[in-house]
Structure formats: structure tokens, C-alpha cells
Protein backbone atom coordinates (compact mmCIF):
# COMPACT_ATOMS: atom_id res chain seq x y z
CA MET A 1 18.23 -36.54 16.34
CA ALA A 2 15.68 -34.86 18.59
CA ALA A 3 13.89 -31.83 17.18
CA VAL A 4 15.02 -28.45 18.51
CA ILE A 5 11.98 -26.70 19.95
CA PRO A 6 11.96 -22.94 19.28
CA GLU A 7 12.07 -20.54 22.21
CA LEU A 8 9.86 -17.49 21.93
CA GLY A 9 12.35 -15.39 23.88
CA ARG A 10 15.01 -16.06 21.24
CA ALA A 11 12.95 -15.01 18.22
CA GLN A 12 14.69 -12.48 15.99
CA ARG A 13 11.51 -11.48 14.19
CA LEU A 14 8.14 -12.55 15.60
CA VAL A 15 4.69 -12.26 14.03
CA VAL A 16 1.78 -12.54 16.49
CA LYS A 17 -1.77 -13.15 15.31
CA ILE A 18 -4.54 -12.01 17.66
CA GLY A 19 -8.04 -13.39 17.21
CA SER A 20 -11.17 -11.26 17.57
CA ALA A 21 -12.51 -13.23 20.53
CA LEU A 22 -9.35 -12.42 22.52
CA LEU A 23 -9.49 -8.70 21.83
CA VAL A 24 -13.18 -7.87 21.78
CA GLY A 25 -15.76 -9.02 24.33
CA ALA A 26 -19.47 -8.43 24.75
CA ASP A 27 -18.74 -5.06 26.36
CA GLY A 28 -16.24 -3.91 23.77
CA LEU A 29 -12.45 -3.86 23.72
CA ARG A 30 -10.76 -5.96 26.40
CA GLY A 31 -8.49 -3.16 27.55
CA GLU A 32 -6.74 -4.97 30.39
CA TRP A 33 -5.84 -7.89 28.12
CA LEU A 34 -4.59 -5.58 25.37
CA ARG A 35 -2.41 -3.62 27.81
CA ALA A 36 -0.90 -6.87 29.12
CA LEU A 37 -0.21 -8.03 25.57
CA CYS A 38 1.46 -4.73 24.76
CA ASP A 39 3.58 -5.02 27.93
CA ASP A 40 4.83 -8.33 26.49
CA VAL A 41 5.44 -6.74 23.09
CA ALA A 42 7.46 -3.91 24.63
CA GLN A 43 9.54 -6.37 26.63
CA ALA A 44 10.25 -8.40 23.50
CA ARG A 45 11.30 -5.22 21.69
CA ARG A 46 13.72 -4.44 24.52
CA ARG A 47 15.26 -7.89 24.00
CA GLY A 48 15.87 -6.94 20.39
CA THR A 49 13.02 -8.91 18.81
CA ASP A 50 11.21 -7.32 15.87
CA ILE A 51 7.44 -7.63 16.35
CA VAL A 52 4.58 -7.58 13.84
CA LEU A 53 0.99 -7.88 15.09
CA VAL A 54 -1.68 -9.30 12.80
CA SER A 55 -4.85 -8.30 14.60
CA SER A 56 -8.47 -9.19 14.06
CA GLY A 57 -11.16 -7.17 15.78
CA ALA A 58 -12.01 -4.26 13.48
CA ILE A 59 -15.38 -5.60 12.36
CA ALA A 60 -16.26 -6.77 15.88
CA LEU A 61 -15.50 -3.31 17.28
CA GLY A 62 -17.25 -1.47 14.46
CA ARG A 63 -20.44 -3.46 14.61
CA GLN A 64 -20.78 -2.63 18.31
CA VAL A 65 -20.33 1.08 17.64
CA LEU A 66 -22.82 0.99 14.78
CA GLY A 67 -25.33 -1.14 16.67
CA LEU A 68 -25.45 -3.81 13.97
CA PRO A 69 -27.33 -7.01 14.85
CA ALA A 70 -25.71 -10.25 15.90
CA GLY A 71 -25.16 -12.92 13.29
CA PRO A 72 -23.85 -12.79 9.73
CA LEU A 73 -23.56 -9.34 8.17
CA ARG A 74 -24.08 -8.34 4.56
CA VAL A 75 -20.87 -7.46 2.70
CA GLU A 76 -21.56 -3.73 2.80
CA GLN A 77 -22.33 -3.93 6.55
CA SER A 78 -19.06 -5.76 7.22
CA GLN A 79 -17.14 -3.18 5.22
CA ALA A 80 -18.81 -0.31 7.04
CA ALA A 81 -18.10 -1.96 10.41
CA ALA A 82 -14.48 -2.45 9.40
CA ALA A 83 -14.14 1.21 8.41
CA VAL A 84 -15.39 2.30 11.83
CA GLY A 85 -13.51 -0.37 13.76
CA GLN A 86 -10.12 -0.07 12.07
CA ILE A 87 -9.49 3.44 13.34
CA ARG A 88 -10.48 2.44 16.87
CA LEU A 89 -8.35 -0.69 16.74
CA ALA A 90 -5.26 1.21 15.58
CA ARG A 91 -5.80 3.88 18.23
CA ALA A 92 -6.16 1.23 20.97
CA TYR A 93 -2.81 -0.35 20.05
CA GLU A 94 -1.16 3.06 19.82
CA GLU A 95 -2.42 4.10 23.25
CA ALA A 96 -1.31 0.80 24.80
CA LEU A 97 2.22 0.99 23.34
CA VAL A 98 2.96 4.72 23.62
CA PRO A 99 3.71 4.49 27.38
CA HIS A 100 6.50 2.04 26.47
CA GLY A 101 7.98 4.42 23.92
CA VAL A 102 6.96 2.10 21.05
CA THR A 103 5.73 3.59 17.76
CA THR A 104 3.00 1.77 15.85
CA ALA A 105 1.93 1.75 12.20
CA GLN A 106 -1.19 0.41 10.52
CA LEU A 107 -0.96 -1.78 7.40
CA LEU A 108 -4.16 -2.85 5.66
CA VAL A 109 -3.68 -5.54 3.02
CA THR A 110 -5.65 -7.82 0.73
CA LEU A 111 -4.76 -11.13 -0.91
CA ASP A 112 -3.76 -9.21 -4.04
CA ASP A 113 -1.04 -7.43 -2.07
CA THR A 114 0.84 -10.68 -1.48
CA THR A 115 0.05 -12.60 -4.68
CA ASP A 116 0.88 -9.73 -7.05
CA ARG A 117 4.69 -9.56 -7.14
CA ARG A 118 4.89 -5.78 -7.41
CA ARG A 119 2.55 -5.25 -4.47
CA TYR A 120 4.37 -7.97 -2.56
CA LEU A 121 7.69 -6.20 -2.98
CA ASN A 122 6.15 -2.89 -1.95
CA SER A 123 4.66 -4.50 1.17
CA ARG A 124 7.95 -6.20 1.99
CA ALA A 125 9.97 -3.00 1.54
CA THR A 126 7.56 -0.99 3.68
CA MET A 127 7.56 -3.58 6.45
CA GLN A 128 11.34 -3.97 6.42
CA THR A 129 11.74 -0.20 6.69
CA LEU A 130 9.26 0.07 9.57
CA LEU A 131 10.91 -2.77 11.48
CA GLY A 132 14.33 -1.26 10.86
CA LEU A 133 13.08 1.94 12.48
CA GLY A 134 11.84 0.05 15.55
CA VAL A 135 8.15 0.39 14.67
CA VAL A 136 5.55 -2.29 15.52
CA PRO A 137 3.28 -2.71 12.46
CA ILE A 138 -0.36 -3.58 13.14
CA VAL A 139 -1.61 -5.58 10.15
CA ASN A 140 -5.16 -6.49 9.21
CA GLU A 141 -7.04 -7.48 6.10
CA ASN A 142 -8.45 -4.41 4.39
CA ASP A 143 -12.08 -5.41 4.90
CA THR A 144 -13.34 -2.01 3.74
CA VAL A 145 -12.44 -2.85 0.12
CA ALA A 146 -11.75 -6.60 -0.01
CA THR A 147 -14.20 -8.75 -1.95
CA ASP A 148 -14.33 -12.55 -1.95
CA GLU A 149 -11.96 -12.69 -4.92
CA ILE A 150 -9.19 -10.79 -3.12
CA ARG A 151 -9.77 -11.95 0.46
CA TYR A 152 -7.81 -14.21 2.74
CA GLY A 153 -10.98 -14.58 4.78
CA ASP A 154 -9.13 -15.40 7.96
CA ASN A 155 -6.16 -13.89 9.73
CA ASP A 156 -4.42 -17.21 10.38
CA ARG A 157 -3.38 -17.51 6.75
CA LEU A 158 -2.82 -13.77 6.47
CA ALA A 159 -0.45 -13.95 9.44
CA ALA A 160 1.49 -16.79 7.83
CA GLN A 161 1.87 -14.84 4.61
CA ILE A 162 2.96 -11.75 6.51
CA ALA A 163 5.53 -13.86 8.39
CA VAL A 164 6.97 -15.08 5.09
CA THR A 165 6.83 -11.60 3.56
CA CYS A 166 8.80 -9.97 6.37
CA GLY A 167 11.22 -12.90 6.88
CA ALA A 168 10.06 -13.81 10.40
CA ASP A 169 11.63 -16.80 12.10
CA GLN A 170 8.64 -17.38 14.41
CA LEU A 171 4.86 -17.02 14.08
CA LEU A 172 2.56 -17.27 17.09
CA LEU A 173 -1.18 -17.76 16.60
CA LEU A 174 -2.98 -16.65 19.75
CA SER A 175 -6.34 -18.35 19.73
CA ASP A 176 -8.93 -20.09 21.88
CA VAL A 177 -7.10 -23.44 21.77
CA ASP A 178 -3.71 -24.44 23.18
CA GLY A 179 -2.58 -26.36 20.14
CA LEU A 180 -3.34 -29.28 17.86
CA TYR A 181 -5.00 -32.43 19.18
CA THR A 182 -5.42 -35.83 17.56
CA ALA A 183 -9.19 -35.23 17.85
CA ASN A 184 -11.55 -32.68 19.36
CA PRO A 185 -10.81 -32.85 23.12
CA LYS A 186 -14.26 -31.46 23.91
CA THR A 187 -15.93 -34.52 22.44
CA ASP A 188 -13.24 -37.22 22.49
CA PRO A 189 -11.67 -38.10 25.88
CA THR A 190 -8.88 -40.01 24.13
CA ALA A 191 -7.68 -36.93 22.22
CA ARG A 192 -3.96 -36.26 22.69
CA HIS A 193 -2.24 -32.90 22.53
CA LEU A 194 0.68 -32.75 20.06
CA PRO A 195 3.48 -30.52 21.38
CA VAL A 196 5.57 -30.71 18.18
CA VAL A 197 4.77 -31.32 14.52
CA ASP A 198 7.89 -31.69 12.41
CA GLN A 199 6.06 -32.56 9.20
CA ILE A 200 2.54 -31.74 8.05
CA THR A 201 1.36 -35.11 6.75
CA PRO A 202 -2.10 -36.04 5.43
CA GLU A 203 -2.72 -37.60 8.85
CA ILE A 204 -1.94 -34.29 10.55
CA GLU A 205 -4.17 -32.41 8.13
CA ALA A 206 -7.01 -34.84 8.88
CA MET A 207 -6.88 -33.73 12.53
CA GLY A 208 -8.03 -30.24 11.59
CA GLY A 209 -11.74 -30.11 12.26
CA ASP A 210 -14.24 -27.48 13.29
CA PRO A 211 -13.36 -24.80 15.87
CA ILE A 212 -13.36 -26.28 19.37
CA SER A 213 -15.12 -23.37 21.07
CA GLY A 214 -16.91 -21.78 18.14
CA LEU A 215 -15.03 -18.52 18.73
CA SER A 216 -12.33 -18.97 16.09
CA LYS A 217 -13.44 -17.87 12.64
CA GLY A 218 -11.06 -20.10 10.76
CA GLY A 219 -10.78 -23.13 13.00
CA MET A 220 -7.95 -25.66 13.05
CA LYS A 221 -8.09 -26.27 9.30
CA THR A 222 -7.00 -22.73 8.52
CA LYS A 223 -4.32 -22.93 11.22
CA LEU A 224 -2.87 -26.00 9.53
CA MET A 225 -2.97 -24.18 6.20
CA ALA A 226 -1.15 -21.29 7.87
CA ALA A 227 1.41 -23.70 9.29
CA ARG A 228 2.12 -25.13 5.85
CA THR A 229 2.76 -21.64 4.45
CA ALA A 230 4.92 -20.61 7.40
CA VAL A 231 7.19 -23.66 7.54
CA ALA A 232 7.64 -23.62 3.76
CA GLY A 233 9.01 -20.09 4.24
CA GLY A 234 11.42 -21.22 6.96
CA CYS A 235 9.29 -19.88 9.84
CA ALA A 236 8.43 -21.92 12.93
CA MET A 237 4.79 -21.58 13.98
CA ALA A 238 3.05 -22.12 17.31
CA ILE A 239 -0.62 -22.34 18.22
CA ALA A 240 -1.29 -21.11 21.76
CA GLU A 241 -4.29 -20.35 23.96
CA GLY A 242 -4.20 -16.59 24.28
CA SER A 243 -6.96 -15.48 26.65
CA VAL A 244 -4.67 -15.26 29.68
CA LEU A 245 -3.07 -11.96 30.62
CA HIS A 246 0.48 -11.60 29.26
CA PRO A 247 0.04 -14.31 26.62
CA LEU A 248 3.54 -13.93 25.14
CA ARG A 249 5.16 -14.24 28.54
CA ASN A 250 2.95 -17.23 29.26
CA VAL A 251 4.22 -19.03 26.14
CA ALA A 252 7.83 -18.05 26.87
CA GLU A 253 7.50 -19.50 30.37
CA GLY A 254 6.38 -22.90 29.14
CA ALA A 255 2.64 -22.84 28.50
CA ARG A 256 1.35 -25.76 26.46
CA VAL A 257 1.44 -25.05 22.72
CA THR A 258 1.96 -26.89 19.46
CA TRP A 259 5.07 -25.98 17.49
CA PHE A 260 5.30 -26.63 13.73
CA LEU A 261 8.94 -26.87 12.70
CA PRO A 262 10.48 -25.67 9.41
CA ASP A 263 13.32 -27.51 7.71
CA SER A 264 15.31 -24.32 7.05
CA ASP A 265 15.53 -20.69 8.13
CA PRO A 266 13.62 -17.84 6.41
CA HIS A 267 16.70 -16.55 4.60
CA ALA A 268 17.54 -19.94 3.08
CA ALA A 269 13.91 -20.61 2.13
CA ARG A 270 13.65 -17.28 0.34
CA LYS A 271 16.90 -17.89 -1.54
CA ARG A 272 15.62 -21.30 -2.72
CA TRP A 273 12.40 -19.67 -3.91
CA ILE A 274 14.26 -17.04 -5.93
CA ALA A 275 16.72 -19.56 -7.38
CA ALA A 276 13.86 -21.77 -8.61
CA MET A 277 12.21 -18.99 -10.66
CA LYS A 278 12.57 -18.85 -14.44
CA PRO A 279 14.39 -15.60 -15.35
CA LYS A 280 12.59 -13.15 -17.62
CA GLY A 281 15.68 -11.17 -18.56
CA GLU A 282 19.42 -10.75 -18.14
CA ILE A 283 21.51 -8.00 -16.63
CA VAL A 284 25.21 -7.78 -17.50
CA VAL A 285 27.49 -6.14 -14.93
CA ASP A 286 31.01 -4.81 -15.00
CA ALA A 287 33.98 -6.19 -13.05
CA GLY A 288 33.52 -3.84 -10.12
CA ALA A 289 29.89 -4.82 -9.66
CA ALA A 290 30.80 -8.50 -9.93
CA VAL A 291 33.23 -8.11 -7.03
CA ALA A 292 30.65 -6.20 -5.01
CA LEU A 293 28.06 -8.96 -5.54
CA SER A 294 30.54 -11.62 -4.42
CA ASN A 295 30.97 -9.61 -1.22
CA GLY A 296 27.25 -9.63 -0.50
CA LYS A 297 26.42 -6.16 -1.80
CA SER A 298 23.28 -5.07 -3.67
CA LEU A 299 23.43 -4.42 -7.41
CA LEU A 300 23.40 -0.68 -8.15
CA PRO A 301 22.56 0.77 -11.58
CA ALA A 302 26.09 2.19 -11.92
CA GLY A 303 27.52 -1.33 -12.28
CA VAL A 304 25.18 -2.39 -15.10
CA SER A 305 26.53 -2.43 -18.65
CA ALA A 306 23.66 -4.10 -20.55
CA VAL A 307 20.02 -5.18 -20.09
CA SER A 308 18.14 -7.74 -22.20
CA GLY A 309 14.66 -9.24 -22.13
CA ARG A 310 11.29 -7.83 -21.11
CA PHE A 311 10.43 -7.82 -17.44
CA GLY A 312 8.45 -5.86 -14.89
CA ARG A 313 9.27 -4.79 -11.38
CA GLY A 314 9.54 -7.83 -9.11
CA ASP A 315 10.29 -10.28 -11.93
CA PRO A 316 13.23 -12.71 -11.71
CA VAL A 317 16.33 -11.97 -13.79
CA SER A 318 19.79 -13.47 -14.24
CA VAL A 319 22.91 -11.44 -13.50
CA LEU A 320 25.85 -12.13 -15.83
CA ASP A 321 29.45 -10.97 -15.96
CA SER A 322 30.99 -9.44 -19.09
CA ARG A 323 31.86 -12.93 -20.43
CA GLY A 324 28.31 -14.22 -20.03
CA ALA A 325 28.93 -16.31 -16.92
CA ARG A 326 25.94 -16.41 -14.52
CA LEU A 327 26.76 -14.69 -11.26
CA ALA A 328 23.40 -14.47 -9.53
CA ALA A 329 19.62 -14.52 -9.81
CA GLY A 330 17.36 -11.94 -8.25
CA LEU A 331 14.11 -10.01 -8.20
CA VAL A 332 14.61 -6.74 -10.02
CA ARG A 333 13.23 -3.47 -8.65
CA TYR A 334 12.72 -1.78 -12.02
CA SER A 335 11.11 -2.73 -15.31
CA SER A 336 13.33 -3.57 -18.28
CA THR A 337 12.63 -0.15 -19.83
CA GLU A 338 13.58 1.64 -16.62
CA ALA A 339 16.64 -0.58 -16.11
CA ARG A 340 17.97 0.26 -19.56
CA ALA A 341 17.47 3.97 -18.91
CA ILE A 342 19.39 4.03 -15.62
CA ALA A 343 22.08 1.45 -16.51
CA GLY A 344 25.54 2.85 -15.84
CA HIS A 345 24.22 5.80 -13.83
CA ARG A 346 24.64 6.64 -10.17
CA SER A 347 21.67 6.09 -7.86
CA ASP A 348 21.37 9.83 -7.19
CA GLU A 349 20.72 10.35 -10.92
CA ILE A 350 17.68 8.06 -11.06
CA GLU A 351 15.09 10.75 -10.34
CA SER A 352 16.38 13.09 -13.04
CA ILE A 353 16.41 10.25 -15.59
CA LEU A 354 13.05 8.63 -14.80
CA GLY A 355 11.25 11.74 -13.58
CA TYR A 356 10.43 10.26 -10.19
CA PRO A 357 12.47 9.06 -7.20
CA GLY A 358 13.36 5.38 -7.28
CA ARG A 359 15.09 2.84 -5.12
CA ALA A 360 18.87 2.99 -4.89
CA ALA A 361 19.44 -0.67 -5.77
CA LEU A 362 18.47 -2.33 -9.04
CA ILE A 363 18.44 -5.67 -7.18
CA HIS A 364 18.65 -5.62 -3.40
CA ARG A 365 20.89 -8.20 -1.76
CA ASP A 366 17.88 -9.61 0.16
CA ASP A 367 16.24 -10.38 -3.19
CA MET A 368 19.32 -12.06 -4.72
CA VAL A 369 20.95 -15.46 -4.61
CA ILE A 370 24.58 -15.82 -5.71
């Protein structure tokens, strides 16, 4: 059966990665290009597509403002440039999207924020809330504090992780190349463009070499690593040449790209991931909560009759009925100590019990598999 090629115009939730070379030129910010991109973003929002932008460019902007020399920067210089550039980058996106009535938000993350389960859940909850409110998050690595140990180091892989975190069904990497080739087309006249990759094999991985133009920081190798992360999370990914005005519209109208296809959707992939985890505790629920769970509802503290095991926020737990039968598995939003304290209580009582406001659900339905 022929592979079904994704259509950008049909994306429900789209993450777009913008490389530094597209956004920042020798004379500073490429304002005309950014405004055209934001026109595309606003049009996609009007179609009902959620949009997240993972944008490079903060260091490139900051180093120009600070007059730092060309070439590699020391760590403290890069962090200083990022601090100066991040505020300008966020303001540029805000000014380009405000005329369309689109609100923006800035999210600065490090590798720790997606590998640590508690931080991951916080990032996911924040992003889901922003998208639910119609906001376009602008995401970048927090270069002002990130060290080598907690860095992604390139925004291709960061974008893939963000796509998985927010449950995107499509990821678009806007770069200086129009997709994956069997070899470097600049040096090999026999190189063929691959419009679709339905499986990332060792042969495909071997095609990832050095950046074709020298402008991309990560090169094709990091794009293939990003593709592996994205498709494992149920997200289709495309690599597209992004220097043209209206790059999203260009892709939607048939520009040459390479699509990497997942074997499931984001929701199913996330459920498989949760189901495969080893539970660190058990939560027993009453009959009413059991019915609610079977109807796709979240688990509220009021329906909990017992808690066992030791677990932290974000850990996997099993949900049992009063007879001990396993009803579900999920990622819990409270520690075992907190869960015991609020078990059997209404959500509006959580703050008075714990001394701080908490989340209404003990396990949200998006973090549960029945």
C-alpha cells in the first residue's frame, strides 16, 4: 500500500523549527522574511492549526548588538549574546504577529527540562495551556544558563522533543536544504533527492553528512536524529528549504521536501510509552471513579480510596478497582505523600490540605492508558 504523504495544511498541531541563517543575516534580523513567515503562521492559526515555533537566532542577534567577533565564542560570550538576543528575538516575533491578533509566549528550555520527568510534565502542561488559549509559543534553548551537560546543542533535536512533548502531528524543519539526498548534491552529480522516508534504516542514517551550505549548525546528521525522535512519538517530520518568503505556504503548495513518516499518531505513541513503564505505586479507586475512567475522564482525588508505594510527581502508577483489578496506568501529578493526603477529597480542597494550589486531576486523561 502506498504511503500517505502528510499535508501541511491539514496539520492539527504543527511545530516549525527556524534556523539562524534564515532569520538573521549580515545586517541583522531579516524582517521581511520574518513578517512573511508570521503571515503563514497566522493563516494556519485561522485554519485551526496549533503552532509552536522553535527558533534559533538569539546568539546571532546578540553578538551583532554586542559587537562580538566572528568565529567561535567562549561559553560566557555565547551566554551573554543569548541574553541580549533573546529579548530582541521574542519582541520581533511579537511585533510580527500582533497585527494578526496572535498572542505569543516565550519558552526557554534546556535538555534537563525534557529528560527530567517532573520538568517534562511542567513543560507539557504549560504548552498545552498556551495552545489551548490560542497562543503561539516561541521556544529556544536557554543558552544563558545551559552548559554542555544540559544542552541539546542544536534546535533540530530540540524541535523534535518539543513536538513529542506537545503531541504535535507534524514537525517542519526550515533549513538551508530542501530535504535528504542519497549523497551531497553539491559534490556528487548522481545524488538523488528522497521525497519520502518511511523507515530510518542504517542506510538512511549513512546519508547524513556534513551541512551542504555550511550555514546549518547541526547538519543532516542532527536532522536524522530529530526525525528518529519525532516519528517514534507519532509525529511526521519534513525537511524543507526555508529561505523563500512565505515558507509554510511554499511547502503547502508543493515545494520539494523530504517527509519522514511515523507508524502511528502522537496519541497512540504516547499511550504505548506510558503502558510500557514499570509502575512505582498503586492507586485504588471507588466504583464511581472506575466508571468515570472507562468514559475517558481524568482521575480526581475524590475517587481515590487508597494509595500504596513510593513515587514522585510524573512517575508511572497502576490504577486498581476495589477488588484489585487493574483498570489503567498513568503518570501521576502528585507524590505518594501528597496523594495520600488528598485521597478522597474534592479538588477545591487541595490547597487547604497541602498548603499550596495544585492541579485538579491526580492523573490527567492525557497521561493515562486504560
